[in-house]
């Protein structure tokens, strides 16, 4: 091995407890990805509807936009 356990520990300390990082289990990531596949976009991409109960996040023109479950949001 490369004897780099100390490097891994330093990385984990640096990344832990960050407010802008979503710490999720494998099933949470799976469920989120499945929900994101169900988003319904208008043909002209002027709005999106989230038919799930899960809040999802989108990048719209470089901004992060929250799309609550069951809601529709304009993308213009």
PDB file of N, CA and C in Angstrom:
ATOM      1  N   UNK A   1       0.831  -1.194   0.000  1.00  0.00           N
ATOM      2  CA  UNK A   1       0.000   0.000   0.000  1.00  0.00           C
ATOM      3  C   UNK A   1       0.873   1.255   0.000  1.00  0.00           C
ATOM      4  N   UNK A   2       0.220   2.375  -0.205  1.00  0.00           N
ATOM      5  CA  UNK A   2       0.934   3.643  -0.297  1.00  0.00           C
ATOM      6  C   UNK A   2       1.059   4.359   1.049  1.00  0.00           C
ATOM      7  N   UNK A   3       0.543   3.738   2.110  1.00  0.00           N
ATOM      8  CA  UNK A   3       0.646   4.331   3.449  1.00  0.00           C
ATOM      9  C   UNK A   3       0.086   5.757   3.465  1.00  0.00           C
ATOM     10  N   UNK A   4      -1.120   5.936   2.899  1.00  0.00           N
ATOM     11  CA  UNK A   4      -1.692   7.278   2.812  1.00  0.00           C
ATOM     12  C   UNK A   4      -2.935   7.467   3.679  1.00  0.00           C
ATOM     13  N   UNK A   5      -3.057   6.665   4.730  1.00  0.00           N
ATOM     14  CA  UNK A   5      -4.215   6.783   5.615  1.00  0.00           C
ATOM     15  C   UNK A   5      -4.302   8.173   6.233  1.00  0.00           C
ATOM     16  N   UNK A   6      -3.180   8.761   6.574  1.00  0.00           N
ATOM     17  CA  UNK A   6      -3.161  10.108   7.160  1.00  0.00           C
ATOM     18  C   UNK A   6      -3.755  11.128   6.172  1.00  0.00           C
ATOM     19  N   UNK A   7      -3.450  10.964   4.904  1.00  0.00           N
ATOM     20  CA  UNK A   7      -4.001  11.858   3.879  1.00  0.00           C
ATOM     21  C   UNK A   7      -5.514  11.732   3.818  1.00  0.00           C
ATOM     22  N   UNK A   8      -6.016  10.512   3.901  1.00  0.00           N
ATOM     23  CA  UNK A   8      -7.459  10.281   3.879  1.00  0.00           C
ATOM     24  C   UNK A   8      -8.106  10.916   5.108  1.00  0.00           C
ATOM     25  N   UNK A   9      -7.509  10.769   6.270  1.00  0.00           N
ATOM     26  CA  UNK A   9      -8.046  11.367   7.491  1.00  0.00           C
ATOM     27  C   UNK A   9      -8.079  12.891   7.384  1.00  0.00           C
ATOM     28  N   UNK A  10      -7.044  13.495   6.851  1.00  0.00           N
ATOM     29  CA  UNK A  10      -7.016  14.947   6.664  1.00  0.00           C
ATOM     30  C   UNK A  10      -8.130  15.396   5.727  1.00  0.00           C
ATOM     31  N   UNK A  11      -8.316  14.661   4.643  1.00  0.00           N
ATOM     32  CA  UNK A  11      -9.369  14.992   3.691  1.00  0.00           C
ATOM     33  C   UNK A  11     -10.737  14.924   4.357  1.00  0.00           C
ATOM     34  N   UNK A  12     -10.996  13.870   5.117  1.00  0.00           N
ATOM     35  CA  UNK A  12     -12.285  13.703   5.787  1.00  0.00           C
ATOM     36  C   UNK A  12     -12.542  14.816   6.795  1.00  0.00           C
ATOM     37  N   UNK A  13     -11.518  15.222   7.537  1.00  0.00           N
ATOM     38  CA  UNK A  13     -11.668  16.331   8.487  1.00  0.00           C
ATOM     39  C   UNK A  13     -11.993  17.626   7.757  1.00  0.00           C
ATOM     40  N   UNK A  14     -11.357  17.841   6.615  1.00  0.00           N
ATOM     41  CA  UNK A  14     -11.574  19.054   5.844  1.00  0.00           C
ATOM     42  C   UNK A  14     -12.992  19.088   5.258  1.00  0.00           C
ATOM     43  N   UNK A  15     -13.477  17.951   4.784  1.00  0.00           N
ATOM     44  CA  UNK A  15     -14.778  17.896   4.116  1.00  0.00           C
ATOM     45  C   UNK A  15     -15.948  17.701   5.080  1.00  0.00           C
ATOM     46  N   UNK A  16     -15.698  17.230   6.263  1.00  0.00           N
ATOM     47  CA  UNK A  16     -16.761  16.968   7.230  1.00  0.00           C
ATOM     48  C   UNK A  16     -17.379  18.237   7.782  1.00  0.00           C
ATOM     49  N   UNK A  17     -18.676  18.191   8.028  1.00  0.00           N
ATOM     50  CA  UNK A  17     -19.370  19.300   8.682  1.00  0.00           C
ATOM     51  C   UNK A  17     -19.548  20.531   7.823  1.00  0.00           C
ATOM     52  N   UNK A  18     -19.409  20.425   6.520  1.00  0.00           N
ATOM     53  CA  UNK A  18     -19.578  21.575   5.631  1.00  0.00           C
ATOM     54  C   UNK A  18     -21.069  21.791   5.371  1.00  0.00           C
ATOM     55  N   UNK A  19     -21.570  23.025   5.529  1.00  0.00           N
ATOM     56  CA  UNK A  19     -23.004  23.267   5.371  1.00  0.00           C
ATOM     57  C   UNK A  19     -23.494  23.142   3.929  1.00  0.00           C
ATOM     58  N   UNK A  20     -22.606  23.221   2.965  1.00  0.00           N
ATOM     59  CA  UNK A  20     -23.029  23.180   1.564  1.00  0.00           C
ATOM     60  C   UNK A  20     -22.788  21.820   0.906  1.00  0.00           C
ATOM     61  N   UNK A  21     -22.548  20.794   1.720  1.00  0.00           N
ATOM     62  CA  UNK A  21     -22.357  19.437   1.198  1.00  0.00           C
ATOM     63  C   UNK A  21     -23.484  18.556   1.718  1.00  0.00           C
ATOM     64  N   UNK A  22     -24.087  17.799   0.821  1.00  0.00           N
ATOM     65  CA  UNK A  22     -25.136  16.861   1.197  1.00  0.00           C
ATOM     66  C   UNK A  22     -24.468  15.535   1.525  1.00  0.00           C
ATOM     67  N   UNK A  23     -24.526  15.146   2.783  1.00  0.00           N
ATOM     68  CA  UNK A  23     -23.990  13.863   3.221  1.00  0.00           C
ATOM     69  C   UNK A  23     -25.148  12.868   3.171  1.00  0.00           C
ATOM     70  N   UNK A  24     -25.081  11.924   2.245  1.00  0.00           N
ATOM     71  CA  UNK A  24     -26.205  11.029   2.014  1.00  0.00           C
ATOM     72  C   UNK A  24     -25.750   9.577   1.976  1.00  0.00           C
ATOM     73  N   UNK A  25     -26.681   8.719   2.320  1.00  0.00           N
ATOM     74  CA  UNK A  25     -26.438   7.282   2.207  1.00  0.00           C
ATOM     75  C   UNK A  25     -26.633   6.869   0.749  1.00  0.00           C
ATOM     76  N   UNK A  26     -26.227   5.674   0.423  1.00  0.00           N
ATOM     77  CA  UNK A  26     -26.415   5.174  -0.944  1.00  0.00           C
ATOM     78  C   UNK A  26     -27.887   5.171  -1.341  1.00  0.00           C
ATOM     79  N   UNK A  27     -28.777   4.753  -0.436  1.00  0.00           N
ATOM     80  CA  UNK A  27     -30.197   4.691  -0.786  1.00  0.00           C
ATOM     81  C   UNK A  27     -30.769   6.090  -0.958  1.00  0.00           C
ATOM     82  N   UNK A  28     -30.314   7.060  -0.183  1.00  0.00           N
ATOM     83  CA  UNK A  28     -30.782   8.440  -0.356  1.00  0.00           C
ATOM     84  C   UNK A  28     -30.379   8.983  -1.729  1.00  0.00           C
ATOM     85  N   UNK A  29     -29.175   8.691  -2.147  1.00  0.00           N
ATOM     86  CA  UNK A  29     -28.726   9.132  -3.470  1.00  0.00           C
ATOM     87  C   UNK A  29     -29.530   8.420  -4.556  1.00  0.00           C
ATOM     88  N   UNK A  30     -29.739   7.127  -4.396  1.00  0.00           N
ATOM     89  CA  UNK A  30     -30.543   6.365  -5.352  1.00  0.00           C
ATOM     90  C   UNK A  30     -31.950   6.946  -5.463  1.00  0.00           C
ATOM     91  N   UNK A  31     -32.613   7.177  -4.335  1.00  0.00           N
ATOM     92  CA  UNK A  31     -33.973   7.711  -4.333  1.00  0.00           C
ATOM     93  C   UNK A  31     -34.027   9.090  -4.984  1.00  0.00           C
ATOM     94  N   UNK A  32     -33.025   9.918  -4.711  1.00  0.00           N
ATOM     95  CA  UNK A  32     -32.972  11.258  -5.302  1.00  0.00           C
ATOM     96  C   UNK A  32     -32.841  11.165  -6.820  1.00  0.00           C
ATOM     97  N   UNK A  33     -31.961  10.311  -7.285  1.00  0.00           N
ATOM     98  CA  UNK A  33     -31.760  10.168  -8.730  1.00  0.00           C
ATOM     99  C   UNK A  33     -33.019   9.629  -9.410  1.00  0.00           C
ATOM    100  N   UNK A  34     -33.707   8.695  -8.773  1.00  0.00           N
ATOM    101  CA  UNK A  34     -34.957   8.179  -9.330  1.00  0.00           C
ATOM    102  C   UNK A  34     -36.011   9.283  -9.399  1.00  0.00           C
ATOM    103  N   UNK A  35     -36.112  10.094  -8.361  1.00  0.00           N
ATOM    104  CA  UNK A  35     -37.072  11.203  -8.352  1.00  0.00           C
ATOM    105  C   UNK A  35     -36.736  12.220  -9.441  1.00  0.00           C
ATOM    106  N   UNK A  36     -35.454  12.478  -9.645  1.00  0.00           N
ATOM    107  CA  UNK A  36     -35.058  13.472 -10.658  1.00  0.00           C
ATOM    108  C   UNK A  36     -35.445  13.014 -12.066  1.00  0.00           C
ATOM    109  N   UNK A  37     -35.519  11.719 -12.290  1.00  0.00           N
ATOM    110  CA  UNK A  37     -35.923  11.197 -13.600  1.00  0.00           C
ATOM    111  C   UNK A  37     -37.398  11.461 -13.894  1.00  0.00           C
ATOM    112  N   UNK A  38     -38.179  11.752 -12.854  1.00  0.00           N
ATOM    113  CA  UNK A  38     -39.619  11.959 -13.009  1.00  0.00           C
ATOM    114  C   UNK A  38     -39.995  13.414 -13.258  1.00  0.00           C
ATOM    115  N   UNK A  39     -39.026  14.321 -13.206  1.00  0.00           N
ATOM    116  CA  UNK A  39     -39.329  15.729 -13.478  1.00  0.00           C
ATOM    117  C   UNK A  39     -39.967  15.866 -14.850  1.00  0.00           C
ATOM    118  N   UNK A  40     -40.947  16.752 -14.938  1.00  0.00           N
ATOM    119  CA  UNK A  40     -41.668  16.967 -16.197  1.00  0.00           C
ATOM    120  C   UNK A  40     -41.419  18.397 -16.662  1.00  0.00           C
ATOM    121  N   UNK A  41     -40.748  18.526 -17.799  1.00  0.00           N
ATOM    122  CA  UNK A  41     -40.417  19.826 -18.355  1.00  0.00           C
ATOM    123  C   UNK A  41     -41.389  20.181 -19.469  1.00  0.00           C
ATOM    124  N   UNK A  42     -41.754  21.462 -19.566  1.00  0.00           N
ATOM    125  CA  UNK A  42     -42.559  21.936 -20.688  1.00  0.00           C
ATOM    126  C   UNK A  42     -41.759  21.735 -21.970  1.00  0.00           C
ATOM    127  N   UNK A  43     -42.457  21.553 -23.077  1.00  0.00           N
ATOM    128  CA  UNK A  43     -41.788  21.334 -24.359  1.00  0.00           C
ATOM    129  C   UNK A  43     -40.830  22.477 -24.693  1.00  0.00           C
ATOM    130  N   UNK A  44     -41.196  23.696 -24.309  1.00  0.00           N
ATOM    131  CA  UNK A  44     -40.331  24.855 -24.576  1.00  0.00           C
ATOM    132  C   UNK A  44     -39.390  25.163 -23.410  1.00  0.00           C
ATOM    133  N   UNK A  45     -39.373  24.253 -22.422  1.00  0.00           N
ATOM    134  CA  UNK A  45     -38.523  24.374 -21.224  1.00  0.00           C
ATOM    135  C   UNK A  45     -38.784  25.659 -20.432  1.00  0.00           C
ATOM    136  N   UNK A  46     -40.017  26.154 -20.496  1.00  0.00           N
ATOM    137  CA  UNK A  46     -40.365  27.370 -19.757  1.00  0.00           C
ATOM    138  C   UNK A  46     -40.705  27.087 -18.299  1.00  0.00           C
ATOM    139  N   UNK A  47     -41.046  25.847 -17.983  1.00  0.00           N
ATOM    140  CA  UNK A  47     -41.328  25.476 -16.598  1.00  0.00           C
ATOM    141  C   UNK A  47     -41.022  24.006 -16.390  1.00  0.00           C
ATOM    142  N   UNK A  48     -40.954  23.630 -15.121  1.00  0.00           N
ATOM    143  CA  UNK A  48     -40.733  22.237 -14.738  1.00  0.00           C
ATOM    144  C   UNK A  48     -41.683  21.912 -13.588  1.00  0.00           C
ATOM    145  N   UNK A  49     -42.185  20.683 -13.591  1.00  0.00           N
ATOM    146  CA  UNK A  49     -43.071  20.193 -12.542  1.00  0.00           C
ATOM    147  C   UNK A  49     -42.414  19.007 -11.858  1.00  0.00           C
ATOM    148  N   UNK A  50     -42.457  19.003 -10.534  1.00  0.00           N
ATOM    149  CA  UNK A  50     -41.909  17.918  -9.726  1.00  0.00           C
ATOM    150  C   UNK A  50     -43.077  17.098  -9.177  1.00  0.00           C
ATOM    151  N   UNK A  51     -43.387  15.950  -9.778  1.00  0.00           N
ATOM    152  CA  UNK A  51     -44.532  15.157  -9.327  1.00  0.00           C
ATOM    153  C   UNK A  51     -44.263  14.316  -8.077  1.00  0.00           C
ATOM    154  N   UNK A  52     -43.063  14.372  -7.560  1.00  0.00           N
ATOM    155  CA  UNK A  52     -42.709  13.546  -6.400  1.00  0.00           C
ATOM    156  C   UNK A  52     -42.943  14.309  -5.102  1.00  0.00           C
ATOM    157  N   UNK A  53     -42.800  13.613  -3.987  1.00  0.00           N
ATOM    158  CA  UNK A  53     -42.904  14.229  -2.669  1.00  0.00           C
ATOM    159  C   UNK A  53     -41.559  14.772  -2.199  1.00  0.00           C
ATOM    160  N   UNK A  54     -40.511  14.503  -2.967  1.00  0.00           N
ATOM    161  CA  UNK A  54     -39.147  14.874  -2.574  1.00  0.00           C
ATOM    162  C   UNK A  54     -38.759  16.230  -3.167  1.00  0.00           C
ATOM    163  N   UNK A  55     -38.148  17.083  -2.355  1.00  0.00           N
ATOM    164  CA  UNK A  55     -37.590  18.331  -2.864  1.00  0.00           C
ATOM    165  C   UNK A  55     -36.388  18.008  -3.738  1.00  0.00           C
ATOM    166  N   UNK A  56     -36.298  18.681  -4.877  1.00  0.00           N
ATOM    167  CA  UNK A  56     -35.188  18.487  -5.790  1.00  0.00           C
ATOM    168  C   UNK A  56     -34.551  19.837  -6.083  1.00  0.00           C
ATOM    169  N   UNK A  57     -33.311  19.820  -6.530  1.00  0.00           N
ATOM    170  CA  UNK A  57     -32.594  21.054  -6.841  1.00  0.00           C
ATOM    171  C   UNK A  57     -32.128  21.007  -8.285  1.00  0.00           C
ATOM    172  N   UNK A  58     -32.235  22.177  -8.948  1.00  0.00           N
ATOM    173  CA  UNK A  58     -31.828  22.313 -10.338  1.00  0.00           C
ATOM    174  C   UNK A  58     -30.847  23.464 -10.468  1.00  0.00           C
ATOM    175  N   UNK A  59     -30.051  23.414 -11.503  1.00  0.00           N
ATOM    176  CA  UNK A  59     -29.212  24.547 -11.858  1.00  0.00           C
ATOM    177  C   UNK A  59     -29.913  25.255 -13.012  1.00  0.00           C
ATOM    178  N   UNK A  60     -30.321  26.499 -12.792  1.00  0.00           N
ATOM    179  CA  UNK A  60     -31.014  27.288 -13.810  1.00  0.00           C
ATOM    180  C   UNK A  60     -30.201  28.547 -14.051  1.00  0.00           C
ATOM    181  N   UNK A  61     -29.651  28.654 -15.239  1.00  0.00           N
ATOM    182  CA  UNK A  61     -28.801  29.796 -15.596  1.00  0.00           C
ATOM    183  C   UNK A  61     -27.698  30.024 -14.559  1.00  0.00           C
ATOM    184  N   UNK A  62     -27.118  28.926 -14.083  1.00  0.00           N
ATOM    185  CA  UNK A  62     -26.010  29.009 -13.147  1.00  0.00           C
ATOM    186  C   UNK A  62     -26.416  29.200 -11.698  1.00  0.00           C
ATOM    187  N   UNK A  63     -27.712  29.288 -11.423  1.00  0.00           N
ATOM    188  CA  UNK A  63     -28.202  29.435 -10.050  1.00  0.00           C
ATOM    189  C   UNK A  63     -28.821  28.128  -9.587  1.00  0.00           C
ATOM    190  N   UNK A  64     -28.631  27.801  -8.318  1.00  0.00           N
ATOM    191  CA  UNK A  64     -29.246  26.610  -7.742  1.00  0.00           C
ATOM    192  C   UNK A  64     -30.673  26.974  -7.325  1.00  0.00           C
ATOM    193  N   UNK A  65     -31.641  26.206  -7.813  1.00  0.00           N
ATOM    194  CA  UNK A  65     -33.055  26.476  -7.569  1.00  0.00           C
ATOM    195  C   UNK A  65     -33.683  25.258  -6.908  1.00  0.00           C
ATOM    196  N   UNK A  66     -34.359  25.485  -5.783  1.00  0.00           N
ATOM    197  CA  UNK A  66     -35.067  24.403  -5.092  1.00  0.00           C
ATOM    198  C   UNK A  66     -36.439  24.220  -5.734  1.00  0.00           C
ATOM    199  N   UNK A  67     -36.787  22.978  -6.026  1.00  0.00           N
ATOM    200  CA  UNK A  67     -38.096  22.639  -6.576  1.00  0.00           C
ATOM    201  C   UNK A  67     -38.787  21.692  -5.597  1.00  0.00           C
ATOM    202  N   UNK A  68     -39.643  22.250  -4.729  1.00  0.00           N
ATOM    203  CA  UNK A  68     -40.299  21.399  -3.735  1.00  0.00           C
ATOM    204  C   UNK A  68     -41.183  20.336  -4.379  1.00  0.00           C
ATOM    205  N   UNK A  69     -41.360  19.253  -3.668  1.00  0.00           N
ATOM    206  CA  UNK A  69     -42.220  18.186  -4.147  1.00  0.00           C
ATOM    207  C   UNK A  69     -43.625  18.690  -4.431  1.00  0.00           C
ATOM    208  N   UNK A  70     -44.192  18.249  -5.561  1.00  0.00           N
ATOM    209  CA  UNK A  70     -45.555  18.621  -5.925  1.00  0.00           C
ATOM    210  C   UNK A  70     -45.711  20.007  -6.504  1.00  0.00           C
ATOM    211  N   UNK A  71     -44.623  20.702  -6.749  1.00  0.00           N
ATOM    212  CA  UNK A  71     -44.715  22.068  -7.244  1.00  0.00           C
ATOM    213  C   UNK A  71     -44.193  22.219  -8.661  1.00  0.00           C
ATOM    214  N   UNK A  72     -44.643  23.296  -9.279  1.00  0.00           N
ATOM    215  CA  UNK A  72     -44.197  23.676 -10.623  1.00  0.00           C
ATOM    216  C   UNK A  72     -43.455  25.003 -10.495  1.00  0.00           C
ATOM    217  N   UNK A  73     -42.397  25.161 -11.292  1.00  0.00           N
ATOM    218  CA  UNK A  73     -41.612  26.390 -11.198  1.00  0.00           C
ATOM    219  C   UNK A  73     -41.270  26.867 -12.601  1.00  0.00           C
ATOM    220  N   UNK A  74     -41.379  28.171 -12.791  1.00  0.00           N
ATOM    221  CA  UNK A  74     -40.997  28.785 -14.056  1.00  0.00           C
ATOM    222  C   UNK A  74     -39.477  28.746 -14.186  1.00  0.00           C
ATOM    223  N   UNK A  75     -39.024  28.500 -15.387  1.00  0.00           N
ATOM    224  CA  UNK A  75     -37.569  28.470 -15.654  1.00  0.00           C
ATOM    225  C   UNK A  75     -37.126  29.699 -16.430  1.00  0.00           C
ATOM    226  N   UNK A  76     -38.009  30.632 -16.640  1.00  0.00           N
ATOM    227  CA  UNK A  76     -37.671  31.856 -17.388  1.00  0.00           C
ATOM    228  C   UNK A  76     -37.209  32.961 -16.468  1.00  0.00           C
TER     229      UNK A  76
END
